[in-house]
Amino acid sequence: MMVKLFANLRAFAKDGRVEVALPPGATVRDALVHLFARVPALQEHVLDPATGELLPYVQVMLKGRLVRDLQGLDTPVGANVEMAIFPPVAGG
């Protein structure tokens, strides 16, 4: 699975992309565990350390849909799917 990182999260990975290998039946939570194993510094910017859930302002998408609108971190990722992670972004 390819994980795309956006905005300030891009700085943690070359080209803002990280390839992670997942077993069949993997979920978004599994993908994040594998991602953080490859890029540990990302974890504090994506997950709440107290709950292990996504930080409220972080958006994770699969196939253009927010995982919050699906099954959250328990959403199955399927084969050949890209995951995108967006931190909060503000402009002026």
N, C-alpha and C. Protein backbone atom coordinates (compact mmCIF):
# COMPACT_ATOMS: atom_id res chain seq x y z
N MET A 1 0.84 -1.16 0.00
CA MET A 1 0.00 0.00 0.00
C MET A 1 0.89 1.23 0.00
N MET A 2 0.47 2.23 -0.75
CA MET A 2 1.17 3.50 -0.77
C MET A 2 0.43 4.46 0.15
N VAL A 3 1.17 5.11 1.05
CA VAL A 3 0.60 6.12 1.93
C VAL A 3 1.15 7.47 1.47
N LYS A 4 0.25 8.38 1.15
CA LYS A 4 0.64 9.72 0.73
C LYS A 4 0.45 10.67 1.90
N LEU A 5 1.47 11.48 2.12
CA LEU A 5 1.45 12.45 3.21
C LEU A 5 1.39 13.85 2.62
N PHE A 6 0.62 14.71 3.24
CA PHE A 6 0.43 16.05 2.72
C PHE A 6 0.85 17.12 3.72
N ALA A 7 1.05 18.33 3.22
CA ALA A 7 1.43 19.51 3.98
C ALA A 7 2.68 19.22 4.82
N ASN A 8 2.67 19.58 6.10
CA ASN A 8 3.89 19.43 6.91
C ASN A 8 4.27 17.97 7.18
N LEU A 9 3.36 17.03 6.96
CA LEU A 9 3.69 15.62 7.15
C LEU A 9 4.65 15.11 6.06
N ARG A 10 4.68 15.79 4.92
CA ARG A 10 5.56 15.38 3.82
C ARG A 10 7.03 15.39 4.24
N ALA A 11 7.38 16.26 5.16
CA ALA A 11 8.77 16.40 5.59
C ALA A 11 9.31 15.12 6.24
N PHE A 12 8.42 14.25 6.69
CA PHE A 12 8.86 13.02 7.36
C PHE A 12 9.22 11.90 6.40
N ALA A 13 8.85 12.04 5.14
CA ALA A 13 9.08 10.96 4.18
C ALA A 13 9.56 11.53 2.85
N LYS A 14 10.43 10.80 2.22
CA LYS A 14 10.92 11.20 0.91
C LYS A 14 9.76 11.30 -0.06
N ASP A 15 9.64 12.40 -0.73
CA ASP A 15 8.58 12.64 -1.71
C ASP A 15 7.18 12.59 -1.12
N GLY A 16 7.06 12.57 0.21
CA GLY A 16 5.74 12.54 0.84
C GLY A 16 5.00 11.23 0.62
N ARG A 17 5.75 10.17 0.33
CA ARG A 17 5.13 8.86 0.08
C ARG A 17 5.89 7.79 0.85
N VAL A 18 5.13 6.84 1.40
CA VAL A 18 5.75 5.72 2.11
C VAL A 18 5.02 4.45 1.68
N GLU A 19 5.80 3.47 1.25
CA GLU A 19 5.25 2.17 0.86
C GLU A 19 5.23 1.27 2.10
N VAL A 20 4.08 0.67 2.38
CA VAL A 20 3.99 -0.27 3.50
C VAL A 20 3.39 -1.58 2.99
N ALA A 21 3.94 -2.69 3.48
CA ALA A 21 3.43 -4.01 3.11
C ALA A 21 2.41 -4.44 4.16
N LEU A 22 1.25 -4.86 3.69
CA LEU A 22 0.18 -5.25 4.60
C LEU A 22 -0.31 -6.66 4.30
N PRO A 23 -0.71 -7.39 5.34
CA PRO A 23 -1.27 -8.72 5.13
C PRO A 23 -2.71 -8.61 4.63
N PRO A 24 -3.25 -9.67 4.04
CA PRO A 24 -4.65 -9.65 3.64
C PRO A 24 -5.55 -9.38 4.84
N GLY A 25 -6.61 -8.65 4.60
CA GLY A 25 -7.55 -8.33 5.67
C GLY A 25 -7.13 -7.18 6.56
N ALA A 26 -6.09 -6.45 6.16
CA ALA A 26 -5.58 -5.34 6.97
C ALA A 26 -6.59 -4.19 7.04
N THR A 27 -6.48 -3.43 8.11
CA THR A 27 -7.33 -2.27 8.33
C THR A 27 -6.48 -1.00 8.29
N VAL A 28 -7.15 0.14 8.37
CA VAL A 28 -6.43 1.41 8.44
C VAL A 28 -5.52 1.40 9.66
N ARG A 29 -5.99 0.87 10.78
CA ARG A 29 -5.16 0.79 11.99
C ARG A 29 -3.88 0.00 11.71
N ASP A 30 -4.01 -1.14 11.02
CA ASP A 30 -2.84 -1.95 10.66
C ASP A 30 -1.88 -1.16 9.77
N ALA A 31 -2.44 -0.45 8.81
CA ALA A 31 -1.61 0.35 7.91
C ALA A 31 -0.84 1.41 8.68
N LEU A 32 -1.50 2.03 9.66
CA LEU A 32 -0.81 3.04 10.46
C LEU A 32 0.29 2.42 11.31
N VAL A 33 0.05 1.25 11.88
CA VAL A 33 1.08 0.57 12.66
C VAL A 33 2.32 0.32 11.80
N HIS A 34 2.10 -0.16 10.58
CA HIS A 34 3.23 -0.41 9.66
C HIS A 34 3.90 0.91 9.23
N LEU A 35 3.09 1.94 9.01
CA LEU A 35 3.63 3.24 8.64
C LEU A 35 4.52 3.78 9.76
N PHE A 36 4.04 3.72 11.00
CA PHE A 36 4.81 4.25 12.12
C PHE A 36 6.06 3.42 12.40
N ALA A 37 6.04 2.16 12.04
CA ALA A 37 7.25 1.35 12.17
C ALA A 37 8.33 1.85 11.21
N ARG A 38 7.89 2.33 10.04
CA ARG A 38 8.84 2.85 9.04
C ARG A 38 9.23 4.30 9.34
N VAL A 39 8.25 5.08 9.85
CA VAL A 39 8.48 6.51 10.10
C VAL A 39 7.91 6.85 11.49
N PRO A 40 8.64 6.52 12.55
CA PRO A 40 8.12 6.69 13.91
C PRO A 40 7.71 8.12 14.27
N ALA A 41 8.39 9.11 13.74
CA ALA A 41 8.09 10.51 14.09
C ALA A 41 6.69 10.94 13.67
N LEU A 42 6.08 10.22 12.74
CA LEU A 42 4.73 10.58 12.29
C LEU A 42 3.66 10.33 13.35
N GLN A 43 3.86 9.34 14.18
CA GLN A 43 2.80 8.89 15.08
C GLN A 43 2.23 10.03 15.93
N GLU A 44 3.08 10.85 16.52
CA GLU A 44 2.59 11.92 17.39
C GLU A 44 1.81 12.99 16.62
N HIS A 45 1.95 13.03 15.31
CA HIS A 45 1.24 14.01 14.49
C HIS A 45 -0.06 13.46 13.92
N VAL A 46 -0.31 12.16 14.15
CA VAL A 46 -1.49 11.51 13.56
C VAL A 46 -2.43 10.94 14.63
N LEU A 47 -1.87 10.31 15.66
CA LEU A 47 -2.69 9.65 16.68
C LEU A 47 -2.60 10.35 18.03
N ASP A 48 -3.71 10.33 18.74
CA ASP A 48 -3.75 10.83 20.11
C ASP A 48 -3.08 9.79 21.00
N PRO A 49 -2.01 10.14 21.73
CA PRO A 49 -1.30 9.14 22.53
C PRO A 49 -2.16 8.56 23.66
N ALA A 50 -3.13 9.31 24.13
CA ALA A 50 -3.98 8.84 25.24
C ALA A 50 -5.01 7.81 24.79
N THR A 51 -5.52 7.97 23.56
CA THR A 51 -6.62 7.11 23.10
C THR A 51 -6.22 6.16 21.99
N GLY A 52 -5.14 6.48 21.27
CA GLY A 52 -4.76 5.66 20.12
C GLY A 52 -5.64 5.91 18.91
N GLU A 53 -6.50 6.91 18.99
CA GLU A 53 -7.39 7.26 17.87
C GLU A 53 -6.78 8.42 17.09
N LEU A 54 -7.34 8.67 15.90
CA LEU A 54 -6.86 9.79 15.11
C LEU A 54 -7.05 11.09 15.87
N LEU A 55 -6.08 11.97 15.74
CA LEU A 55 -6.26 13.31 16.29
C LEU A 55 -7.47 13.94 15.59
N PRO A 56 -8.24 14.76 16.28
CA PRO A 56 -9.49 15.26 15.70
C PRO A 56 -9.32 16.09 14.43
N TYR A 57 -8.17 16.69 14.25
CA TYR A 57 -7.96 17.54 13.08
C TYR A 57 -7.20 16.84 11.95
N VAL A 58 -6.88 15.57 12.10
CA VAL A 58 -6.18 14.81 11.06
C VAL A 58 -7.21 14.04 10.24
N GLN A 59 -7.08 14.11 8.93
CA GLN A 59 -8.00 13.41 8.04
C GLN A 59 -7.25 12.31 7.31
N VAL A 60 -7.83 11.10 7.32
CA VAL A 60 -7.27 9.97 6.59
C VAL A 60 -8.31 9.55 5.56
N MET A 61 -7.85 9.39 4.32
CA MET A 61 -8.77 9.05 3.23
C MET A 61 -8.34 7.78 2.51
N LEU A 62 -9.34 7.00 2.11
CA LEU A 62 -9.17 5.84 1.24
C LEU A 62 -10.14 6.01 0.08
N LYS A 63 -9.66 5.87 -1.12
CA LYS A 63 -10.51 5.99 -2.31
C LYS A 63 -11.34 7.28 -2.28
N GLY A 64 -10.73 8.37 -1.79
CA GLY A 64 -11.42 9.65 -1.77
C GLY A 64 -12.48 9.80 -0.69
N ARG A 65 -12.54 8.87 0.24
CA ARG A 65 -13.54 8.94 1.31
C ARG A 65 -12.84 9.00 2.66
N LEU A 66 -13.37 9.84 3.54
CA LEU A 66 -12.82 9.94 4.88
C LEU A 66 -13.10 8.65 5.65
N VAL A 67 -12.08 8.12 6.30
CA VAL A 67 -12.29 6.89 7.06
C VAL A 67 -13.24 7.13 8.23
N ARG A 68 -13.33 8.38 8.71
CA ARG A 68 -14.29 8.70 9.78
C ARG A 68 -15.72 8.42 9.31
N ASP A 69 -15.98 8.56 8.02
CA ASP A 69 -17.31 8.31 7.46
C ASP A 69 -17.52 6.83 7.14
N LEU A 70 -16.49 6.04 7.29
CA LEU A 70 -16.58 4.61 7.02
C LEU A 70 -16.58 3.88 8.36
N GLN A 71 -15.56 3.08 8.62
CA GLN A 71 -15.47 2.35 9.89
C GLN A 71 -14.30 2.84 10.74
N GLY A 72 -13.89 4.09 10.50
CA GLY A 72 -12.77 4.65 11.26
C GLY A 72 -11.51 3.85 11.05
N LEU A 73 -10.75 3.64 12.10
CA LEU A 73 -9.49 2.92 12.00
C LEU A 73 -9.69 1.44 11.70
N ASP A 74 -10.91 0.96 11.86
CA ASP A 74 -11.22 -0.45 11.56
C ASP A 74 -11.65 -0.67 10.12
N THR A 75 -11.59 0.36 9.30
CA THR A 75 -11.94 0.25 7.88
C THR A 75 -10.96 -0.66 7.17
N PRO A 76 -11.44 -1.70 6.47
CA PRO A 76 -10.53 -2.55 5.68
C PRO A 76 -9.91 -1.72 4.56
N VAL A 77 -8.64 -1.98 4.28
CA VAL A 77 -7.98 -1.20 3.24
C VAL A 77 -8.05 -1.85 1.87
N GLY A 78 -8.17 -3.15 1.79
CA GLY A 78 -8.24 -3.80 0.48
C GLY A 78 -6.90 -3.77 -0.24
N ALA A 79 -6.90 -4.36 -1.41
CA ALA A 79 -5.66 -4.46 -2.21
C ALA A 79 -5.52 -3.25 -3.12
N ASN A 80 -4.29 -2.84 -3.34
CA ASN A 80 -3.95 -1.77 -4.29
C ASN A 80 -4.69 -0.47 -4.02
N VAL A 81 -4.82 -0.11 -2.77
CA VAL A 81 -5.49 1.13 -2.39
C VAL A 81 -4.45 2.10 -1.85
N GLU A 82 -4.58 3.36 -2.19
CA GLU A 82 -3.72 4.38 -1.62
C GLU A 82 -4.43 5.00 -0.42
N MET A 83 -3.65 5.31 0.58
CA MET A 83 -4.18 6.01 1.75
C MET A 83 -3.54 7.39 1.77
N ALA A 84 -4.33 8.41 2.06
CA ALA A 84 -3.84 9.78 2.14
C ALA A 84 -4.07 10.31 3.54
N ILE A 85 -3.06 10.99 4.08
CA ILE A 85 -3.17 11.57 5.42
C ILE A 85 -2.93 13.07 5.32
N PHE A 86 -3.93 13.81 5.82
CA PHE A 86 -3.89 15.27 5.77
C PHE A 86 -3.87 15.85 7.18
N PRO A 87 -2.86 16.65 7.51
CA PRO A 87 -2.87 17.35 8.79
C PRO A 87 -3.75 18.60 8.64
N PRO A 88 -3.95 19.34 9.73
CA PRO A 88 -4.71 20.59 9.57
C PRO A 88 -3.92 21.55 8.70
N VAL A 89 -4.62 22.26 7.85
CA VAL A 89 -3.99 23.22 6.97
C VAL A 89 -4.81 24.50 7.03
N ALA A 90 -4.14 25.60 7.23
CA ALA A 90 -4.82 26.90 7.26
C ALA A 90 -4.10 27.85 6.33
N GLY A 91 -4.81 28.80 5.86
CA GLY A 91 -4.21 29.78 4.96
C GLY A 91 -4.60 31.16 5.38
N GLY A 92 -4.01 32.10 4.72
CA GLY A 92 -4.34 33.47 5.10
C GLY A 92 -4.42 34.35 3.89
